[in-house]
Amino acid sequence: MLYLGKSIRINIYLWFTMAIRLYNMIEIKKIAEKYSYDIHAINY
């Protein structure tokens, strides 16, 4: 029972870190798109 609880806790931790990583990736993509848009706007 203790082992099961521990593995569930580890799974939640891994899922949590994965979710944060995914969120950060999306945020970085949004920022990159915004900057590239600004660069294109300056070029024209």
PDB file of N, CA and C in Angstrom:
ATOM      1  N   MET A   1       0.843  -1.206   0.000  1.00  0.00           N
ATOM      2  CA  MET A   1       0.000   0.000   0.000  1.00  0.00           C
ATOM      3  C   MET A   1       0.879   1.257   0.000  1.00  0.00           C
ATOM      4  N   LEU A   2       1.919   1.229   0.788  1.00  0.00           N
ATOM      5  CA  LEU A   2       2.840   2.365   0.870  1.00  0.00           C
ATOM      6  C   LEU A   2       3.512   2.590  -0.488  1.00  0.00           C
ATOM      7  N   TYR A   3       3.925   1.479  -1.132  1.00  0.00           N
ATOM      8  CA  TYR A   3       4.583   1.550  -2.442  1.00  0.00           C
ATOM      9  C   TYR A   3       3.633   2.165  -3.477  1.00  0.00           C
ATOM     10  N   LEU A   4       2.369   1.747  -3.437  1.00  0.00           N
ATOM     11  CA  LEU A   4       1.371   2.250  -4.376  1.00  0.00           C
ATOM     12  C   LEU A   4       1.206   3.762  -4.205  1.00  0.00           C
ATOM     13  N   GLY A   5       1.107   4.197  -2.951  1.00  0.00           N
ATOM     14  CA  GLY A   5       0.968   5.621  -2.669  1.00  0.00           C
ATOM     15  C   GLY A   5       2.164   6.402  -3.169  1.00  0.00           C
ATOM     16  N   LYS A   6       3.356   5.804  -2.984  1.00  0.00           N
ATOM     17  CA  LYS A   6       4.585   6.458  -3.412  1.00  0.00           C
ATOM     18  C   LYS A   6       4.619   6.597  -4.932  1.00  0.00           C
ATOM     19  N   SER A   7       4.247   5.528  -5.646  1.00  0.00           N
ATOM     20  CA  SER A   7       4.275   5.555  -7.113  1.00  0.00           C
ATOM     21  C   SER A   7       3.258   6.566  -7.650  1.00  0.00           C
ATOM     22  N   ILE A   8       2.096   6.653  -7.009  1.00  0.00           N
ATOM     23  CA  ILE A   8       1.078   7.629  -7.424  1.00  0.00           C
ATOM     24  C   ILE A   8       1.625   9.044  -7.230  1.00  0.00           C
ATOM     25  N   ARG A   9       2.318   9.254  -6.104  1.00  0.00           N
ATOM     26  CA  ARG A   9       2.889  10.565  -5.819  1.00  0.00           C
ATOM     27  C   ARG A   9       3.929  10.918  -6.880  1.00  0.00           C
ATOM     28  N   ILE A  10       4.751   9.949  -7.251  1.00  0.00           N
ATOM     29  CA  ILE A  10       5.772  10.167  -8.281  1.00  0.00           C
ATOM     30  C   ILE A  10       5.099  10.476  -9.619  1.00  0.00           C
ATOM     31  N   ASN A  11       4.036   9.750  -9.942  1.00  0.00           N
ATOM     32  CA  ASN A  11       3.311   9.978 -11.196  1.00  0.00           C
ATOM     33  C   ASN A  11       2.720  11.384 -11.243  1.00  0.00           C
ATOM     34  N   ILE A  12       2.151  11.825 -10.130  1.00  0.00           N
ATOM     35  CA  ILE A  12       1.578  13.176 -10.052  1.00  0.00           C
ATOM     36  C   ILE A  12       2.688  14.204 -10.239  1.00  0.00           C
ATOM     37  N   TYR A  13       3.846  13.953  -9.604  1.00  0.00           N
ATOM     38  CA  TYR A  13       4.992  14.860  -9.718  1.00  0.00           C
ATOM     39  C   TYR A  13       5.464  14.953 -11.169  1.00  0.00           C
ATOM     40  N   LEU A  14       5.580  13.786 -11.825  1.00  0.00           N
ATOM     41  CA  LEU A  14       6.023  13.761 -13.221  1.00  0.00           C
ATOM     42  C   LEU A  14       5.012  14.472 -14.118  1.00  0.00           C
ATOM     43  N   TRP A  15       3.722  14.217 -13.890  1.00  0.00           N
ATOM     44  CA  TRP A  15       2.674  14.858 -14.682  1.00  0.00           C
ATOM     45  C   TRP A  15       2.712  16.375 -14.490  1.00  0.00           C
ATOM     46  N   PHE A  16       2.943  16.793 -13.241  1.00  0.00           N
ATOM     47  CA  PHE A  16       2.993  18.213 -12.899  1.00  0.00           C
ATOM     48  C   PHE A  16       4.150  18.897 -13.617  1.00  0.00           C
ATOM     49  N   THR A  17       5.340  18.265 -13.571  1.00  0.00           N
ATOM     50  CA  THR A  17       6.507  18.853 -14.238  1.00  0.00           C
ATOM     51  C   THR A  17       6.294  18.878 -15.749  1.00  0.00           C
ATOM     52  N   MET A  18       5.663  17.828 -16.283  1.00  0.00           N
ATOM     53  CA  MET A  18       5.385  17.754 -17.713  1.00  0.00           C
ATOM     54  C   MET A  18       4.428  18.882 -18.113  1.00  0.00           C
ATOM     55  N   ALA A  19       3.408  19.110 -17.292  1.00  0.00           N
ATOM     56  CA  ALA A  19       2.431  20.166 -17.565  1.00  0.00           C
ATOM     57  C   ALA A  19       3.106  21.534 -17.557  1.00  0.00           C
ATOM     58  N   ILE A  20       4.005  21.758 -16.594  1.00  0.00           N
ATOM     59  CA  ILE A  20       4.731  23.034 -16.504  1.00  0.00           C
ATOM     60  C   ILE A  20       5.600  23.218 -17.738  1.00  0.00           C
ATOM     61  N   ARG A  21       6.289  22.129 -18.137  1.00  0.00           N
ATOM     62  CA  ARG A  21       7.165  22.197 -19.303  1.00  0.00           C
ATOM     63  C   ARG A  21       6.361  22.532 -20.550  1.00  0.00           C
ATOM     64  N   LEU A  22       5.203  21.898 -20.696  1.00  0.00           N
ATOM     65  CA  LEU A  22       4.334  22.125 -21.852  1.00  0.00           C
ATOM     66  C   LEU A  22       3.845  23.575 -21.853  1.00  0.00           C
ATOM     67  N   TYR A  23       3.434  24.073 -20.679  1.00  0.00           N
ATOM     68  CA  TYR A  23       2.969  25.453 -20.544  1.00  0.00           C
ATOM     69  C   TYR A  23       4.080  26.424 -20.933  1.00  0.00           C
ATOM     70  N   ASN A  24       5.300  26.154 -20.433  1.00  0.00           N
ATOM     71  CA  ASN A  24       6.441  27.015 -20.751  1.00  0.00           C
ATOM     72  C   ASN A  24       6.721  27.013 -22.245  1.00  0.00           C
ATOM     73  N   MET A  25       6.638  25.841 -22.872  1.00  0.00           N
ATOM     74  CA  MET A  25       6.859  25.732 -24.309  1.00  0.00           C
ATOM     75  C   MET A  25       5.848  26.572 -25.076  1.00  0.00           C
ATOM     76  N   ILE A  26       4.583  26.495 -24.668  1.00  0.00           N
ATOM     77  CA  ILE A  26       3.518  27.261 -25.326  1.00  0.00           C
ATOM     78  C   ILE A  26       3.767  28.758 -25.148  1.00  0.00           C
ATOM     79  N   GLU A  27       4.143  29.159 -23.932  1.00  0.00           N
ATOM     80  CA  GLU A  27       4.413  30.571 -23.649  1.00  0.00           C
ATOM     81  C   GLU A  27       5.585  31.074 -24.488  1.00  0.00           C
ATOM     82  N   ILE A  28       6.653  30.275 -24.564  1.00  0.00           N
ATOM     83  CA  ILE A  28       7.835  30.656 -25.344  1.00  0.00           C
ATOM     84  C   ILE A  28       7.457  30.799 -26.815  1.00  0.00           C
ATOM     85  N   LYS A  29       6.622  29.877 -27.300  1.00  0.00           N
ATOM     86  CA  LYS A  29       6.172  29.917 -28.694  1.00  0.00           C
ATOM     87  C   LYS A  29       5.386  31.203 -28.960  1.00  0.00           C
ATOM     88  N   LYS A  30       4.506  31.553 -28.024  1.00  0.00           N
ATOM     89  CA  LYS A  30       3.702  32.781 -28.164  1.00  0.00           C
ATOM     90  C   LYS A  30       4.611  34.003 -28.219  1.00  0.00           C
ATOM     91  N   ILE A  31       5.604  34.047 -27.313  1.00  0.00           N
ATOM     92  CA  ILE A  31       6.532  35.176 -27.248  1.00  0.00           C
ATOM     93  C   ILE A  31       7.349  35.245 -28.535  1.00  0.00           C
ATOM     94  N   ALA A  32       7.824  34.086 -29.001  1.00  0.00           N
ATOM     95  CA  ALA A  32       8.625  34.034 -30.228  1.00  0.00           C
ATOM     96  C   ALA A  32       7.806  34.525 -31.418  1.00  0.00           C
ATOM     97  N   GLU A  33       6.552  34.101 -31.495  1.00  0.00           N
ATOM     98  CA  GLU A  33       5.675  34.539 -32.585  1.00  0.00           C
ATOM     99  C   GLU A  33       5.460  36.048 -32.525  1.00  0.00           C
ATOM    100  N   LYS A  34       5.295  36.566 -31.320  1.00  0.00           N
ATOM    101  CA  LYS A  34       5.087  38.000 -31.134  1.00  0.00           C
ATOM    102  C   LYS A  34       6.322  38.768 -31.598  1.00  0.00           C
ATOM    103  N   TYR A  35       7.507  38.287 -31.196  1.00  0.00           N
ATOM    104  CA  TYR A  35       8.738  38.961 -31.584  1.00  0.00           C
ATOM    105  C   TYR A  35       8.961  38.885 -33.091  1.00  0.00           C
ATOM    106  N   SER A  36       8.702  37.721 -33.681  1.00  0.00           N
ATOM    107  CA  SER A  36       8.895  37.575 -35.125  1.00  0.00           C
ATOM    108  C   SER A  36       7.908  38.491 -35.863  1.00  0.00           C
ATOM    109  N   TYR A  37       6.701  38.631 -35.330  1.00  0.00           N
ATOM    110  CA  TYR A  37       5.707  39.531 -35.923  1.00  0.00           C
ATOM    111  C   TYR A  37       6.209  40.974 -35.865  1.00  0.00           C
ATOM    112  N   ASP A  38       6.780  41.360 -34.712  1.00  0.00           N
ATOM    113  CA  ASP A  38       7.320  42.708 -34.546  1.00  0.00           C
ATOM    114  C   ASP A  38       8.452  42.957 -35.538  1.00  0.00           C
ATOM    115  N   ILE A  39       9.330  41.953 -35.712  1.00  0.00           N
ATOM    116  CA  ILE A  39      10.458  42.083 -36.641  1.00  0.00           C
ATOM    117  C   ILE A  39       9.938  42.272 -38.065  1.00  0.00           C
ATOM    118  N   HIS A  40       8.927  41.486 -38.452  1.00  0.00           N
ATOM    119  CA  HIS A  40       8.346  41.613 -39.789  1.00  0.00           C
ATOM    120  C   HIS A  40       7.702  42.990 -39.963  1.00  0.00           C
ATOM    121  N   ALA A  41       7.059  43.474 -38.926  1.00  0.00           N
ATOM    122  CA  ALA A  41       6.405  44.781 -38.985  1.00  0.00           C
ATOM    123  C   ALA A  41       7.452  45.880 -39.178  1.00  0.00           C
ATOM    124  N   ILE A  42       8.600  45.733 -38.517  1.00  0.00           N
ATOM    125  CA  ILE A  42       9.676  46.727 -38.642  1.00  0.00           C
ATOM    126  C   ILE A  42      10.264  46.676 -40.052  1.00  0.00           C
ATOM    127  N   ASN A  43      10.405  45.481 -40.604  1.00  0.00           N
ATOM    128  CA  ASN A  43      11.011  45.319 -41.933  1.00  0.00           C
ATOM    129  C   ASN A  43      10.183  45.987 -43.025  1.00  0.00           C
ATOM    130  N   TYR A  44       8.870  45.974 -42.876  1.00  0.00           N
ATOM    131  CA  TYR A  44       8.041  46.535 -43.940  1.00  0.00           C
ATOM    132  C   TYR A  44       7.972  48.048 -43.886  1.00  0.00           C
TER     133      TYR A  44
END
